[in-house]
Protein backbone atom coordinates (compact mmCIF):
# COMPACT_ATOMS: atom_id res chain seq x y z
CA MET A 1 18.04 13.62 -5.30
CA ILE A 2 20.71 11.23 -6.61
CA ALA A 3 23.01 10.35 -3.73
CA PRO A 4 25.54 7.58 -3.04
CA ARG A 5 23.74 4.54 -1.84
CA ARG A 6 24.47 3.83 1.80
CA ARG A 7 25.05 0.36 3.12
CA VAL A 8 22.44 -0.69 5.65
CA PRO A 9 24.39 -1.73 8.75
CA ALA A 10 23.85 -5.27 10.02
CA LEU A 11 21.57 -4.89 13.00
CA GLY A 12 22.30 -6.76 16.18
CA LEU A 13 19.36 -8.16 18.05
CA GLY A 14 19.36 -5.49 20.70
CA LEU A 15 19.57 -2.58 18.30
CA ALA A 16 16.93 -3.98 15.96
CA VAL A 17 14.47 -4.64 18.75
CA ALA A 18 15.12 -1.23 20.28
CA LEU A 19 14.54 0.52 16.98
CA PHE A 20 11.37 -1.41 16.34
CA ALA A 21 10.06 -0.74 19.81
CA SER A 22 10.82 2.96 19.57
CA ALA A 23 8.87 3.15 16.33
CA SER A 24 5.80 1.54 17.79
CA LEU A 25 5.25 2.55 21.37
CA ALA A 26 1.59 3.15 20.59
CA ASN A 27 -0.53 3.71 17.55
CA GLY A 28 -0.91 7.38 18.26
CA ARG A 29 -0.37 8.40 14.64
CA PHE A 30 -2.26 11.17 12.91
CA PRO A 31 -5.32 9.62 11.22
CA THR A 32 -4.34 9.30 7.57
CA ALA A 33 -5.40 7.35 4.50
CA GLN A 34 -2.46 5.36 3.11
CA MET A 35 -3.65 3.15 0.27
CA VAL A 36 -6.83 2.80 -1.80
CA GLN A 37 -7.89 -0.30 -3.76
CA LEU A 38 -11.02 -0.90 -5.79
CA SER A 39 -12.75 -4.13 -6.71
CA ALA A 40 -13.27 -5.19 -10.32
CA GLY A 41 -15.75 -3.49 -12.59
CA ALA A 42 -16.59 -0.06 -13.83
CA HIS A 43 -18.83 0.49 -10.82
CA PRO A 44 -16.94 -1.23 -7.97
CA ALA A 45 -18.91 -3.10 -5.36
CA ARG A 46 -16.28 -2.12 -2.83
CA ILE A 47 -13.52 0.36 -2.12
CA VAL A 48 -10.95 -0.36 0.56
CA LEU A 49 -9.10 2.48 2.18
CA ARG A 50 -6.16 1.46 4.35
CA THR A 51 -5.65 3.95 7.15
CA THR A 52 -3.47 4.40 10.20
CA PHE A 53 -6.39 3.15 12.34
CA GLY A 54 -7.59 0.08 10.35
CA VAL A 55 -9.49 -0.16 7.07
CA LEU A 56 -12.58 1.54 5.71
CA LEU A 57 -14.75 -0.34 3.26
CA GLY A 58 -16.87 1.69 0.89
CA GLU A 59 -19.98 0.41 -0.85
CA ASP A 60 -21.95 1.86 -3.73
CA ASP A 61 -19.01 3.78 -5.22
CA GLY A 62 -18.11 5.20 -1.81
CA ARG A 63 -21.50 6.44 -0.72
CA ARG A 64 -21.61 4.16 2.34
CA TRP A 65 -18.66 3.23 4.56
CA SER A 66 -17.91 0.69 7.29
CA TRP A 67 -14.86 0.44 9.54
CA MET A 68 -12.77 -2.56 10.64
CA CYS A 69 -10.18 -1.86 13.31
CA GLU A 70 -6.68 -3.37 13.30
CA ASP A 71 -7.61 -5.91 15.96
CA ALA A 72 -10.31 -7.34 13.69
CA PHE A 73 -7.44 -8.61 11.48
CA GLY A 74 -5.03 -9.53 14.30
CA TYR A 75 -2.49 -6.78 13.86
CA GLY A 76 -1.81 -3.50 15.55
CA ARG A 77 -1.16 -3.06 19.24
CA PRO A 78 1.47 -2.85 20.51
CA ASP A 79 3.26 -2.73 17.16
CA VAL A 80 2.64 -0.38 14.25
CA TRP A 81 1.91 -2.24 11.02
CA ASP A 82 0.80 -0.95 7.64
CA PRO A 83 -0.64 -4.02 5.88
CA PRO A 84 -0.73 -4.74 2.15
CA VAL A 85 -4.30 -5.18 0.95
CA ALA A 86 -5.91 -6.66 -2.18
CA PHE A 87 -9.33 -7.57 -3.50
CA GLY A 88 -10.07 -11.00 -4.93
CA SER A 89 -12.71 -11.59 -7.60
CA PRO A 90 -16.48 -11.45 -6.99
CA GLY A 91 -18.25 -14.77 -6.31
CA PRO A 92 -21.19 -16.29 -4.46
CA ASP A 93 -19.43 -15.52 -1.21
CA GLY A 94 -18.98 -11.87 -2.11
CA VAL A 95 -15.72 -10.06 -2.83
CA PRO A 96 -12.85 -11.32 -0.65
CA LEU A 97 -10.64 -8.69 0.88
CA LEU A 98 -7.16 -9.98 1.67
CA LEU A 99 -4.90 -8.30 4.21
CA GLY A 100 -1.32 -9.28 5.07
CA ILE A 101 -0.13 -9.28 8.67
CA PRO A 102 3.31 -9.99 10.19
CA GLY A 103 2.26 -13.58 10.91
CA GLY A 104 0.02 -14.64 8.04
CA LEU A 105 -2.77 -13.55 5.74
CA ARG A 106 -6.33 -12.70 6.68
CA ARG A 107 -9.52 -12.71 4.61
CA THR A 108 -12.93 -11.15 5.04
CA THR A 109 -16.08 -11.01 2.93
CA ASP A 110 -18.53 -9.51 5.41
CA ALA A 111 -16.58 -6.58 6.91
CA CYS A 112 -17.46 -7.87 10.39
CA GLY A 113 -14.57 -10.24 11.07
CA SER A 114 -11.67 -12.01 9.36
CA THR A 115 -10.26 -15.55 9.15
CA ALA A 116 -6.73 -16.76 8.59
CA VAL A 117 -5.74 -18.12 5.16
CA PRO A 118 -4.48 -21.59 6.12
CA GLU A 119 -2.08 -22.04 3.19
CA VAL A 120 -0.02 -19.08 4.35
CA GLY A 121 0.18 -20.17 7.99
CA THR A 122 2.22 -17.77 10.10
CA ASP A 123 4.65 -16.67 7.42
CA TYR A 124 5.73 -13.04 7.37
CA THR A 125 3.89 -11.09 4.68
CA ALA A 126 5.88 -8.72 2.48
CA ASP A 127 3.38 -7.91 -0.24
CA LEU A 128 0.14 -8.74 -2.04
CA SER A 129 -0.63 -8.23 -5.72
CA ALA A 130 -3.87 -8.79 -7.59
CA THR A 131 -4.83 -8.41 -11.22
CA GLY A 132 -7.48 -5.86 -12.12
CA ASP A 133 -10.25 -8.45 -12.20
CA GLY A 134 -9.04 -9.95 -8.89
CA ARG A 135 -8.87 -13.44 -10.39
CA THR A 136 -5.11 -13.87 -9.91
CA VAL A 137 -3.64 -12.95 -6.54
CA HIS A 138 0.00 -13.29 -5.52
CA TRP A 139 1.30 -13.34 -1.95
CA VAL A 140 5.00 -12.92 -1.23
CA GLY A 141 6.71 -13.31 2.13
CA SER A 142 9.31 -15.22 4.13
CA PHE A 143 9.71 -17.83 6.84
CA LEU A 144 12.41 -19.16 9.16
CA ASP A 145 14.14 -22.30 7.86
CA PRO A 146 14.72 -24.34 11.05
CA SER A 147 17.67 -26.21 9.49
CA THR A 148 19.66 -23.06 8.78
CA ARG A 149 17.94 -20.56 11.05
CA GLY A 150 17.82 -18.21 8.15
CA LEU A 151 15.02 -16.51 6.26
CA VAL A 152 13.76 -18.04 3.02
CA ASN A 153 11.27 -16.47 0.64
CA ARG A 154 8.02 -17.89 -0.66
CA VAL A 155 5.61 -16.86 -3.37
CA ARG A 156 2.05 -18.18 -3.28
CA ALA A 157 -0.56 -17.75 -5.98
CA SER A 158 -4.33 -17.90 -6.12
CA ASP A 159 -6.20 -18.54 -9.39
CA ASP A 160 -9.66 -18.44 -7.85
CA GLY A 161 -9.81 -14.86 -6.71
CA GLY A 162 -8.10 -15.21 -3.35
CA ARG A 163 -10.10 -18.16 -2.04
CA SER A 164 -7.21 -20.69 -2.05
CA PHE A 165 -3.44 -20.43 -2.49
CA ARG A 166 -0.62 -22.73 -3.59
CA THR A 167 3.15 -22.30 -3.20
CA VAL A 168 4.73 -21.59 -6.59
CA TYR A 169 8.22 -20.59 -5.45
CA GLN A 170 10.45 -21.17 -2.43
CA GLY A 171 14.09 -20.19 -2.14
CA SER A 172 16.51 -17.26 -2.46
CA PRO A 173 18.21 -17.51 0.96
CA GLY A 174 20.26 -14.47 1.78
CA VAL A 175 17.74 -12.25 0.02
CA LEU A 176 14.61 -10.59 1.31
CA PHE A 177 11.75 -10.10 -1.14
CA LEU A 178 10.09 -6.72 -0.69
CA THR A 179 7.44 -6.02 -3.34
CA MET A 180 5.74 -7.83 -6.20
CA GLU A 181 3.53 -7.01 -9.17
CA ALA A 182 2.06 -9.03 -12.03
CA ALA A 183 1.53 -7.52 -15.48
CA PRO A 184 -2.13 -6.71 -16.08
CA SER A 185 -1.97 -7.93 -19.69
CA ASN A 186 -0.15 -11.16 -18.75
CA PRO A 187 -0.35 -12.31 -15.11
CA ARG A 188 2.40 -14.86 -15.76
CA ARG A 189 4.85 -11.97 -16.11
CA VAL A 190 5.83 -11.14 -12.56
CA TYR A 191 8.33 -8.69 -11.14
CA LEU A 192 9.73 -8.64 -7.60
CA THR A 193 12.14 -6.29 -5.84
CA ALA A 194 14.50 -7.54 -3.13
CA ARG A 195 17.41 -6.52 -0.96
CA ALA A 196 20.40 -8.78 -0.30
CA GLU A 197 22.99 -8.65 2.48
CA ASN A 198 26.77 -9.21 2.37
CA PRO A 199 27.12 -7.13 0.39
CA THR A 200 24.01 -5.04 0.57
CA ARG A 201 22.50 -4.68 -2.87
CA ASP A 202 19.14 -4.13 -4.48
CA LEU A 203 17.80 -6.78 -6.86
CA LEU A 204 15.02 -7.24 -9.38
CA TYR A 205 13.48 -10.60 -10.16
CA ARG A 206 11.46 -11.34 -13.29
CA SER A 207 9.34 -14.37 -14.16
CA ASP A 208 7.37 -15.43 -17.23
CA ASP A 209 5.69 -18.44 -15.62
CA GLY A 210 3.80 -16.90 -12.75
CA ALA A 211 6.82 -16.82 -10.35
CA MET A 212 7.55 -20.55 -10.54
CA THR A 213 11.04 -19.63 -11.79
CA LEU A 214 12.73 -16.30 -11.19
CA THR A 215 15.57 -14.58 -13.03
CA GLU A 216 17.68 -12.31 -10.84
CA SER A 217 19.36 -9.10 -12.00
CA PRO A 218 20.91 -6.06 -10.29
CA LEU A 219 18.50 -3.20 -9.72
CA ASP A 220 20.07 0.18 -10.43
CA LEU A 221 18.17 2.64 -8.31
CA HIS A 222 20.16 5.65 -9.54
CA GLY A 223 21.56 6.29 -6.08
CA GLY A 224 18.41 5.47 -4.20
CA ALA A 225 17.83 2.83 -1.52
CA GLU A 226 15.17 0.11 -1.50
CA GLY A 227 13.12 -0.24 -4.66
CA TRP A 228 9.42 -0.98 -4.64
CA ILE A 229 7.31 -1.70 -7.67
CA SER A 230 4.63 0.84 -8.32
CA ALA A 231 3.05 -0.56 -11.49
CA VAL A 232 3.40 -2.55 -14.69
CA ASP A 233 1.98 -0.97 -17.81
CA PRO A 234 -1.59 -2.14 -18.50
CA SER A 235 -0.84 -3.27 -22.07
CA ASP A 236 2.97 -3.68 -22.25
CA PRO A 237 4.45 -6.19 -19.75
CA ASP A 238 7.98 -4.89 -20.48
CA VAL A 239 7.19 -1.46 -19.03
CA VAL A 240 7.58 -1.33 -15.26
CA TYR A 241 7.73 1.54 -12.76
CA VAL A 242 9.81 1.45 -9.56
CA ARG A 243 10.05 3.98 -6.76
CA SER A 244 13.02 4.38 -4.42
CA PHE A 245 14.03 6.40 -1.38
CA ALA A 246 16.67 9.03 -2.07
CA ASP A 247 18.06 8.36 1.39
CA ASP A 248 18.43 5.11 3.35
CA PRO A 249 15.21 4.67 5.35
CA LEU A 250 17.09 3.11 8.28
CA ARG A 251 19.21 6.22 8.63
CA ALA A 252 16.62 8.84 7.83
CA ARG A 253 13.92 9.16 10.45
CA ASP A 254 11.53 10.63 7.94
CA PRO A 255 12.62 9.76 4.38
CA GLY A 256 11.78 12.56 2.05
CA ALA A 257 12.77 12.89 -1.60
CA THR A 258 11.72 9.97 -3.78
CA LEU A 259 12.76 8.77 -7.24
CA LEU A 260 10.42 7.36 -9.88
CA LEU A 261 12.19 5.04 -12.37
CA ARG A 262 10.84 3.51 -15.57
CA SER A 263 12.00 0.52 -17.59
CA SER A 264 10.77 -0.31 -21.09
CA ASP A 265 12.85 -3.47 -21.55
CA GLY A 266 11.52 -5.76 -18.84
CA GLY A 267 13.65 -4.35 -16.05
CA ALA A 268 17.07 -4.56 -17.70
CA ARG A 269 17.62 -0.80 -17.51
CA PHE A 270 15.80 1.95 -15.69
CA THR A 271 15.57 5.65 -16.39
CA GLU A 272 14.68 8.32 -13.87
CA ILE A 273 11.56 10.14 -14.93
CA ALA A 274 10.62 12.06 -11.79
CA ARG A 275 11.81 13.05 -8.36
CA THR A 276 9.91 14.74 -5.59
CA THR A 277 11.25 17.02 -2.92
CA GLY A 278 9.20 15.24 -0.28
CA ALA A 279 7.82 11.74 0.10
CA MET A 280 6.18 10.40 -3.06
CA ARG A 281 3.25 8.80 -1.31
CA GLY A 282 1.10 8.42 -4.38
CA PHE A 283 1.51 6.90 -7.85
CA ALA A 284 -1.13 6.15 -10.46
CA LEU A 285 -1.07 5.01 -14.09
CA SER A 286 -3.98 5.48 -16.46
CA GLY A 287 -5.70 2.54 -18.11
CA ASP A 288 -4.03 3.23 -21.45
CA GLY A 289 -0.60 3.76 -19.85
CA ARG A 290 -0.26 7.26 -21.30
CA THR A 291 -0.70 9.30 -18.14
CA VAL A 292 1.31 9.08 -14.92
CA TRP A 293 0.45 10.82 -11.68
CA VAL A 294 2.70 11.13 -8.62
CA GLY A 295 2.35 13.19 -5.50
CA GLY A 296 2.87 13.78 -1.84
CA PRO A 297 2.13 16.25 0.93
CA ASP A 298 5.02 18.53 -0.04
CA ASP A 299 4.74 18.38 -3.81
CA GLY A 300 1.01 18.20 -4.43
CA LEU A 301 -0.35 16.28 -7.37
CA LEU A 302 1.89 16.06 -10.47
CA ARG A 303 0.93 14.68 -13.89
CA SER A 304 2.80 13.60 -17.05
CA VAL A 305 1.08 12.75 -20.35
CA ASP A 306 2.85 10.79 -23.10
CA GLY A 307 6.26 11.12 -21.44
CA ALA A 308 6.15 14.91 -21.13
CA ALA A 309 7.55 16.75 -18.11
CA PHE A 310 5.48 16.49 -14.95
CA GLU A 311 3.26 19.45 -14.21
CA ARG A 312 1.54 20.32 -10.96
CA VAL A 313 -2.18 20.05 -11.37
CA SER A 314 -3.28 20.36 -7.73
CA GLY A 315 -1.99 21.43 -4.34
CA VAL A 316 -3.80 18.60 -2.51
CA GLN A 317 -1.62 16.97 0.17
CA VAL A 318 -1.50 13.58 -1.61
CA GLN A 319 -1.43 10.52 0.68
CA CYS A 320 -2.20 7.88 -1.99
CA LEU A 321 -3.42 7.59 -5.59
CA ARG A 322 -5.23 5.02 -7.74
CA TRP A 323 -6.60 5.01 -11.27
CA HIS A 324 -9.65 2.88 -11.85
CA ALA A 325 -12.30 2.69 -14.54
CA GLY A 326 -11.61 6.13 -15.99
CA ALA A 327 -11.26 8.03 -12.73
CA LEU A 328 -8.40 9.09 -10.47
CA TYR A 329 -8.82 8.40 -6.76
CA VAL A 330 -6.89 10.75 -4.50
CA CYS A 331 -6.22 10.52 -0.76
CA GLY A 332 -5.86 13.82 1.00
CA ASN A 333 -5.49 15.37 4.43
CA HIS A 334 -8.93 16.08 5.84
CA VAL A 335 -7.74 19.02 7.90
CA ILE A 336 -6.19 20.79 4.92
CA ASP A 337 -8.00 19.40 1.89
CA GLY A 338 -11.41 18.75 3.39
CA PHE A 339 -11.41 15.05 2.44
CA ASN A 340 -9.52 11.80 2.99
CA LEU A 341 -10.58 10.26 -0.31
CA ALA A 342 -11.93 11.91 -3.40
CA ARG A 343 -12.55 10.98 -7.05
CA SER A 344 -11.46 13.12 -9.97
CA ASP A 345 -12.93 12.71 -13.44
CA ASP A 346 -10.70 15.35 -15.06
CA GLY A 347 -7.18 14.14 -14.22
CA GLY A 348 -6.91 15.73 -10.83
CA ARG A 349 -8.01 19.32 -11.35
CA THR A 350 -11.33 18.91 -9.53
CA MET A 351 -12.28 16.42 -6.82
CA VAL A 352 -15.53 14.84 -5.67
CA PRO A 353 -15.06 14.03 -1.95
CA LEU A 354 -15.98 10.47 -1.01
CA VAL A 355 -15.04 10.34 2.66
CA ASP A 356 -13.98 12.69 5.44
CA PHE A 357 -13.03 10.87 8.68
CA ARG A 358 -14.75 13.57 10.70
CA ARG A 359 -18.13 12.62 9.23
CA LEU A 360 -17.90 8.91 10.11
CA GLY A 361 -20.05 7.49 12.85
CA PRO A 362 -19.67 4.32 14.95
CA PRO A 363 -19.62 0.94 13.21
CA THR A 364 -23.04 -0.66 12.87
CA GLY A 365 -24.64 -3.69 11.20
CA CYS A 366 -22.42 -6.47 12.59
CA ALA A 367 -23.91 -9.20 14.74
CA ALA A 368 -23.04 -9.91 18.35
CA GLY A 369 -19.94 -12.06 18.65
CA THR A 370 -18.21 -10.56 15.60
CA ALA A 371 -14.89 -8.74 15.92
CA VAL A 372 -16.28 -5.43 14.75
CA ARG A 373 -19.16 -5.53 17.24
CA GLU A 374 -17.18 -6.83 20.20
CA VAL A 375 -13.67 -5.41 19.67
CA CYS A 376 -13.84 -2.47 17.30
CA ALA A 377 -17.04 -0.71 18.35
CA PRO A 378 -15.97 -0.10 21.98
CA THR A 379 -12.82 1.69 20.79
CA TRP A 380 -14.60 3.98 18.34
CA PRO A 381 -14.97 6.98 20.66
CA THR A 382 -11.20 7.06 21.21
CA VAL A 383 -10.50 6.71 17.50
CA GLN A 384 -13.05 9.33 16.59
CA SER A 385 -11.63 11.83 19.05
CA GLY A 386 -8.42 11.93 16.98
CA PHE A 387 -10.14 13.19 13.84
CA GLY A 388 -10.91 16.65 15.09
CA ALA A 389 -14.09 18.62 14.62
CA LEU A 390 -15.61 19.74 11.38
CA PRO A 391 -15.08 23.45 10.63
CA ASP A 392 -18.84 23.90 10.51
CA ALA A 393 -19.36 21.69 13.59
CA GLY A 394 -21.45 19.39 11.39
CA ALA A 395 -22.85 16.27 12.97
CA ALA A 396 -21.10 12.97 12.38
CA MET A 397 -23.04 10.50 10.27
CA ASP A 398 -23.47 6.76 10.84
CA ALA A 399 -20.62 4.89 9.12
CA GLY A 400 -23.09 2.43 7.66
CA ALA A 401 -25.13 5.12 6.00
CA MET A 402 -22.70 7.91 5.23
CA ASP A 403 -23.51 9.65 1.96
CA ALA A 404 -20.60 10.97 -0.11
CA GLY A 405 -22.60 13.92 -1.24
CA GLY A 406 -21.07 14.47 -4.67
CA THR A 407 -20.09 18.13 -4.56
CA SER A 408 -17.02 18.84 -6.71
CA VAL A 409 -14.12 20.65 -5.08
CA ALA A 410 -11.89 22.73 -7.29
CA THR A 411 -8.17 22.35 -6.50
CA GLU A 412 -5.45 24.82 -7.24
CA PRO A 413 -1.97 23.88 -8.57
CA GLY A 414 -0.31 26.18 -6.07
CA GLY A 415 -2.46 25.67 -3.04
CA CYS A 416 -5.02 23.53 -1.27
CA ALA A 417 -8.58 22.66 -2.05
CA ALA A 418 -10.50 25.83 -2.61
CA GLY A 419 -12.75 26.62 0.26
CA ALA A 420 -11.41 23.68 2.37
CA ARG A 421 -8.66 24.32 4.92
CA GLY A 422 -7.57 22.66 6.85
CA GLY A 423 12.98 -9.69 5.63
CA ARG A 424 19.03 -17.56 5.15
CA ALA A 425 20.09 -13.81 5.10
CA SER A 426 23.72 -14.08 6.16
CA GLY A 427 24.19 -12.63 9.58
CA TRP A 428 20.49 -12.21 10.29
CA GLY A 429 19.04 -13.95 13.32
CA LEU A 430 15.30 -14.47 13.16
CA ALA A 431 14.32 -11.87 15.70
CA ALA A 432 16.85 -9.28 14.54
CA GLY A 433 16.04 -9.87 10.91
CA LEU A 434 12.31 -9.66 11.24
CA ALA A 435 12.53 -6.66 13.55
CA ALA A 436 14.71 -4.80 11.06
CA VAL A 437 12.46 -5.83 8.23
CA ALA A 438 9.37 -4.71 10.06
CA LEU A 439 10.95 -1.35 10.81
CA ARG A 440 11.95 -0.83 7.19
CA ARG A 441 8.64 -2.11 5.97
CA ARG A 442 6.65 0.12 8.27
CA ARG A 443 8.46 3.11 6.89
CA ARG A 444 8.23 1.91 3.30
CA ARG A 445 4.53 1.22 3.53
CA VAL A 446 3.83 4.74 4.57
CA TYR A 447 5.38 5.94 1.33
CA ARG A 448 4.17 3.10 -0.87
CA ALA A 449 0.69 4.44 -0.68
CA GLU A 450 -0.20 3.68 -4.22
C-alpha cells in the first residue's frame, strides 16, 4: 500500500467548484451508518449514529431511537456533508449533542431542533473532539482573514461540557487543520493533523497546554496522503494512532487501501502497523489500550491484541467502530449484515443488533413548530423508501419506541452475519479553497468513520 505521495494540484476556482458540485448533485447516497458516539457512563443515556441521511439518537442503550434530518441542523441539500459529532457532559439541560457544519456549530439537547453555538459564528468546521466524560470539548476549524483573503485556523475549547466555548488558538496561515484529538488521560495534550500548500506536505501539531500553543513537525505518512487522528491511548498520552489514504483522495474517486500508523513517542516517529485492501472505515481502541480493531466493507473486522498481527474475527461489512464501557460497537450494512449498528461483548465474534434502518418508523414526540416535526417528518416517506424491505416483510416500528430486541448474531471470519444476508493558504482563494476542502473532507469523513 506504500506509494509515492502525490502532490495535490492547486485548484482553480472553476475546477474546485465543478468538482464539488459533481460530488453533491443530490443526497441520493445509499443509506449507511458512518460514525457512532456514546455519551459518558457505563450505561449511556444516549448513542448518536451519524448516517448519510442525518443522525439517529438512541436512548436506553439503543432500545429506542429518534431521527433528526440534515435540515434540522442546517446542512445537507444541495451539498453533501458528513458532519463531525460529539457529546458534551450530562447536566440539568440534558446531554448536549454538538454537530459541526460548513458554516458553524450546532447544538441540541432535545432531539427536536438545534441552535447555533454563537462563539463559533459561521466558521468552517474541520473537526470536533471530546473527552470520554464529555467535560472537555475541542472545536477546530478555519475562517477567512479579510486583511489577507487567506484562510486562518482556530481552535476553540469548552470546559463545561459543550455549553460555552472560548478561542484558545488562532494562526497557522498557509496550513489547513484537518483533525484533532485530546489525550483521554490528559486533555491538555492535544494532537492535530494538517496539510500545507507550497509545497504540499502533511503536518502534525502537538500541544501540552490545551492547544494554546502548538509545536509543528512533519508527519511521515509512509507514502500515504492526508493523515487523520484515530485515537490517543487511554492511559499513555504519547501513544497516538493516525490513519492515511494510500492514494490521494483528490485523484482517486473512491480511495481504497488505508494505512494505520502508530507513534509511541508523542508523534515524533510513526510505524505502520496495519493496512487494509479496501477503505478502513472503522477503528477502535479498547479501554486499556491493549486491543485494536480496524475494518471496512472489503476487509471485514480485524483485531490485534498486545501488538500481535491483526486477525480477521468477522466478515461484517464494517462502516464504523467504537469501544465504550467494555463493549465494541460495530456499524454494518443492513442488507448484508442484517443490522446498521450492533454491540459485541466478545471482541467482535458475536453481535447484538441495536438498529436496522428498515425497522425504523416516522419521527414522533416533537412538538409543533420544531424542526423535526415541521421539516423532517414530511420527508420521512422518501427517506424510508431508500432502506428497502425486510427479508421477512416485517412491519416497521415507530422510531420513538423501537426495541433493539437483544438477539445475538454469530459472525463468521470469512463471511457475513450468519443467517442475515443481505481548508492564508498561499494560492487559495476563499471559494476555491473551501470548495476543495469540502470535497476532500467529504471523502475523508466517509472513511473516518471511527
